[in-house]
Amino acid sequence: MGYQIILHEKGSQPYYLSQDTKSKKIIKNNLKKLQEDPYPRPGSGLGDTEKIVFEGKEAYRMHIGRSHTAIYTIDEERGLVMIHEILGIEEAHKRYGYR
């Protein structure tokens, strides 16, 4: 089953659109990996992903390269991966305490 990737209109979309062409391509290529299996699993090829709590709910974070972090949730019933936020990795570390 493939998942549809949705960028949150006010959360992740503005960050994505503000990036240069190269960064957009890197972000897009990494987010596409979530279409097949968005859950963190060793050897899944997703890179640095982890289950977290975001705004009081179960969510996941994905480091994209060494520059960006995506925060997302999974809606199994509808087959959606909602990208709530994409932010610079330094900002993510400040706001959420990731390492």
C-alpha atoms as a PDB file:
ATOM      1  CA  MET A   1       0.000   0.000   0.000  1.00  0.00           C
ATOM      2  CA  GLY A   2       1.362   3.397  -0.922  1.00  0.00           C
ATOM      3  CA  TYR A   3       0.772   6.456   1.219  1.00  0.00           C
ATOM      4  CA  GLN A   4      -0.021   9.899  -0.122  1.00  0.00           C
ATOM      5  CA  ILE A   5       2.289  12.649   1.171  1.00  0.00           C
ATOM      6  CA  ILE A   6       0.544  15.889   2.171  1.00  0.00           C
ATOM      7  CA  LEU A   7       2.391  19.089   3.094  1.00  0.00           C
ATOM      8  CA  HIS A   8       0.530  21.047   5.770  1.00  0.00           C
ATOM      9  CA  GLU A   9      -0.545  24.338   4.222  1.00  0.00           C
ATOM     10  CA  LYS A  10       0.614  26.554   7.087  1.00  0.00           C
ATOM     11  CA  GLY A  11       3.242  24.321   8.704  1.00  0.00           C
ATOM     12  CA  SER A  12       5.531  22.626   6.206  1.00  0.00           C
ATOM     13  CA  GLN A  13       4.537  24.120   2.869  1.00  0.00           C
ATOM     14  CA  PRO A  14       5.924  27.659   3.444  1.00  0.00           C
ATOM     15  CA  TYR A  15       9.306  26.280   4.545  1.00  0.00           C
ATOM     16  CA  TYR A  16       9.492  23.984   1.535  1.00  0.00           C
ATOM     17  CA  LEU A  17       8.549  26.750  -0.902  1.00  0.00           C
ATOM     18  CA  SER A  18      11.157  29.104   0.581  1.00  0.00           C
ATOM     19  CA  GLN A  19      14.035  26.739  -0.215  1.00  0.00           C
ATOM     20  CA  ASP A  20      16.321  26.881  -3.238  1.00  0.00           C
ATOM     21  CA  THR A  21      15.925  24.350  -6.040  1.00  0.00           C
ATOM     22  CA  LYS A  22      18.603  21.979  -4.725  1.00  0.00           C
ATOM     23  CA  SER A  23      17.145  21.906  -1.194  1.00  0.00           C
ATOM     24  CA  LYS A  24      13.616  21.368  -2.537  1.00  0.00           C
ATOM     25  CA  LYS A  25      14.843  18.381  -4.523  1.00  0.00           C
ATOM     26  CA  ILE A  26      16.583  16.873  -1.479  1.00  0.00           C
ATOM     27  CA  ILE A  27      13.494  17.387   0.703  1.00  0.00           C
ATOM     28  CA  LYS A  28      11.127  16.016  -1.940  1.00  0.00           C
ATOM     29  CA  ASN A  29      13.265  12.929  -2.612  1.00  0.00           C
ATOM     30  CA  ASN A  30      13.477  12.130   1.095  1.00  0.00           C
ATOM     31  CA  LEU A  31       9.770  12.654   1.741  1.00  0.00           C
ATOM     32  CA  LYS A  32       8.959  10.345  -1.181  1.00  0.00           C
ATOM     33  CA  LYS A  33      10.583   7.525   0.799  1.00  0.00           C
ATOM     34  CA  LEU A  34       7.666   7.775   3.236  1.00  0.00           C
ATOM     35  CA  GLN A  35       5.201   6.675   0.529  1.00  0.00           C
ATOM     36  CA  GLU A  36       6.085   2.992   0.836  1.00  0.00           C
ATOM     37  CA  ASP A  37       6.607   2.645   4.599  1.00  0.00           C
ATOM     38  CA  PRO A  38       6.593   5.743   6.811  1.00  0.00           C
ATOM     39  CA  TYR A  39       7.352   3.896  10.058  1.00  0.00           C
ATOM     40  CA  PRO A  40      10.891   3.984  11.483  1.00  0.00           C
ATOM     41  CA  ARG A  41      12.453   0.529  11.119  1.00  0.00           C
ATOM     42  CA  PRO A  42      16.114  -0.473  11.122  1.00  0.00           C
ATOM     43  CA  GLY A  43      17.298  -1.032   7.585  1.00  0.00           C
ATOM     44  CA  SER A  44      14.233   0.611   6.034  1.00  0.00           C
ATOM     45  CA  GLY A  45      16.288   3.126   4.077  1.00  0.00           C
ATOM     46  CA  LEU A  46      14.448   6.054   5.686  1.00  0.00           C
ATOM     47  CA  GLY A  47      17.572   7.385   7.320  1.00  0.00           C
ATOM     48  CA  ASP A  48      17.305   9.069  10.683  1.00  0.00           C
ATOM     49  CA  THR A  49      13.646   8.681  11.711  1.00  0.00           C
ATOM     50  CA  GLU A  50      12.211   8.422  15.194  1.00  0.00           C
ATOM     51  CA  LYS A  51       8.854   8.205  16.968  1.00  0.00           C
ATOM     52  CA  ILE A  52       8.165  11.371  19.003  1.00  0.00           C
ATOM     53  CA  VAL A  53       5.383  13.326  20.690  1.00  0.00           C
ATOM     54  CA  PHE A  54       4.310  16.412  18.717  1.00  0.00           C
ATOM     55  CA  GLU A  55       1.656  18.727  20.117  1.00  0.00           C
ATOM     56  CA  GLY A  56       0.633  16.009  22.555  1.00  0.00           C
ATOM     57  CA  LYS A  57       0.140  13.323  19.882  1.00  0.00           C
ATOM     58  CA  GLU A  58       2.141  10.427  18.508  1.00  0.00           C
ATOM     59  CA  ALA A  59       4.216  11.583  15.559  1.00  0.00           C
ATOM     60  CA  TYR A  60       7.507  10.981  13.819  1.00  0.00           C
ATOM     61  CA  ARG A  61      10.493  13.064  12.847  1.00  0.00           C
ATOM     62  CA  MET A  62      12.827  12.574   9.939  1.00  0.00           C
ATOM     63  CA  HIS A  63      16.183  14.292   9.603  1.00  0.00           C
ATOM     64  CA  ILE A  64      16.746  15.159   5.957  1.00  0.00           C
ATOM     65  CA  GLY A  65      20.417  15.418   5.210  1.00  0.00           C
ATOM     66  CA  ARG A  66      22.162  17.559   7.776  1.00  0.00           C
ATOM     67  CA  SER A  67      19.993  20.594   7.160  1.00  0.00           C
ATOM     68  CA  HIS A  68      16.272  19.855   7.572  1.00  0.00           C
ATOM     69  CA  THR A  69      13.846  18.025   9.851  1.00  0.00           C
ATOM     70  CA  ALA A  70      10.321  16.930   8.943  1.00  0.00           C
ATOM     71  CA  ILE A  71       7.655  16.260  11.573  1.00  0.00           C
ATOM     72  CA  TYR A  72       4.867  13.980  10.353  1.00  0.00           C
ATOM     73  CA  THR A  73       1.913  11.838  11.381  1.00  0.00           C
ATOM     74  CA  ILE A  74       0.396   8.812   9.689  1.00  0.00           C
ATOM     75  CA  ASP A  75      -3.301   8.315   8.985  1.00  0.00           C
ATOM     76  CA  GLU A  76      -3.606   4.594   8.284  1.00  0.00           C
ATOM     77  CA  GLU A  77      -7.314   4.690   7.478  1.00  0.00           C
ATOM     78  CA  ARG A  78      -6.904   7.275   4.734  1.00  0.00           C
ATOM     79  CA  GLY A  79      -3.418   6.213   3.627  1.00  0.00           C
ATOM     80  CA  LEU A  80      -1.923   9.643   4.330  1.00  0.00           C
ATOM     81  CA  VAL A  81       1.372  10.912   5.677  1.00  0.00           C
ATOM     82  CA  MET A  82       0.812  14.490   6.840  1.00  0.00           C
ATOM     83  CA  ILE A  83       3.994  16.566   6.967  1.00  0.00           C
ATOM     84  CA  HIS A  84       3.164  19.056   9.729  1.00  0.00           C
ATOM     85  CA  GLU A  85       6.459  20.916   9.814  1.00  0.00           C
ATOM     86  CA  ILE A  86       9.710  21.097   7.952  1.00  0.00           C
ATOM     87  CA  LEU A  87      12.306  23.240   9.610  1.00  0.00           C
ATOM     88  CA  GLY A  88      16.022  23.741   9.751  1.00  0.00           C
ATOM     89  CA  ILE A  89      17.748  21.149  11.865  1.00  0.00           C
ATOM     90  CA  GLU A  90      19.098  23.758  14.296  1.00  0.00           C
ATOM     91  CA  GLU A  91      15.589  25.170  14.841  1.00  0.00           C
ATOM     92  CA  ALA A  92      14.262  21.632  15.362  1.00  0.00           C
ATOM     93  CA  HIS A  93      16.908  20.977  17.994  1.00  0.00           C
ATOM     94  CA  LYS A  94      16.016  24.205  19.832  1.00  0.00           C
ATOM     95  CA  ARG A  95      12.256  23.638  19.730  1.00  0.00           C
ATOM     96  CA  TYR A  96      12.087  19.885  20.267  1.00  0.00           C
ATOM     97  CA  GLY A  97      15.400  18.926  21.859  1.00  0.00           C
ATOM     98  CA  TYR A  98      16.447  16.410  19.185  1.00  0.00           C
ATOM     99  CA  ARG A  99      20.010  15.259  18.948  1.00  0.00           C
END
